[in-house]
Amino acid sequence: MATSVALAYLFSYSSARIADDSDLWTPSSKDWYSSTAQIGIKNGVPYSNDPVMKRFIEAPVALEGRVENYMSKTNVQRVDEIIGGELGWDYLFPLRNDLYTYTGFLEAVAKFPKFCDDGIGP
């Protein structure tokens, strides 16, 4: 299991995507799936048929570019509620560098849609 988790993290962390038009990837000849590791590659994108491994693969994937309307995202709203807004942020991190703002933190949360919103649990 530890090896499977490590592989899933490596694939997702490195955004293991290979462009379809790349000479490095011929989808029909290089697609594979390991039943042991429960991880595979299809068209240059890692995947798993196992829900637990799928979660490991997808969780750390970030959105590209700026996330507009970040406060409309469910995960951002959940984190905002947990932290307690700007007042909670100031209370939790009184000695932080001024570079680290609450808005910047929420924008970063929005970049990772599975952070605090992976669809598992209440």
Foldseek 3Di string as FASTA:
>chain_A
DVVLLVVLLVCQVVVQADALPDPVDDQVVQWDADPVSQWTAGNRHIAGPDPVSRCSNQQVHFDPDFDPPLVVQPQLVVVCVVQVHQVSVCVVCVPDDPVDHPVVVSRVSSRGNCRNPVPPDD
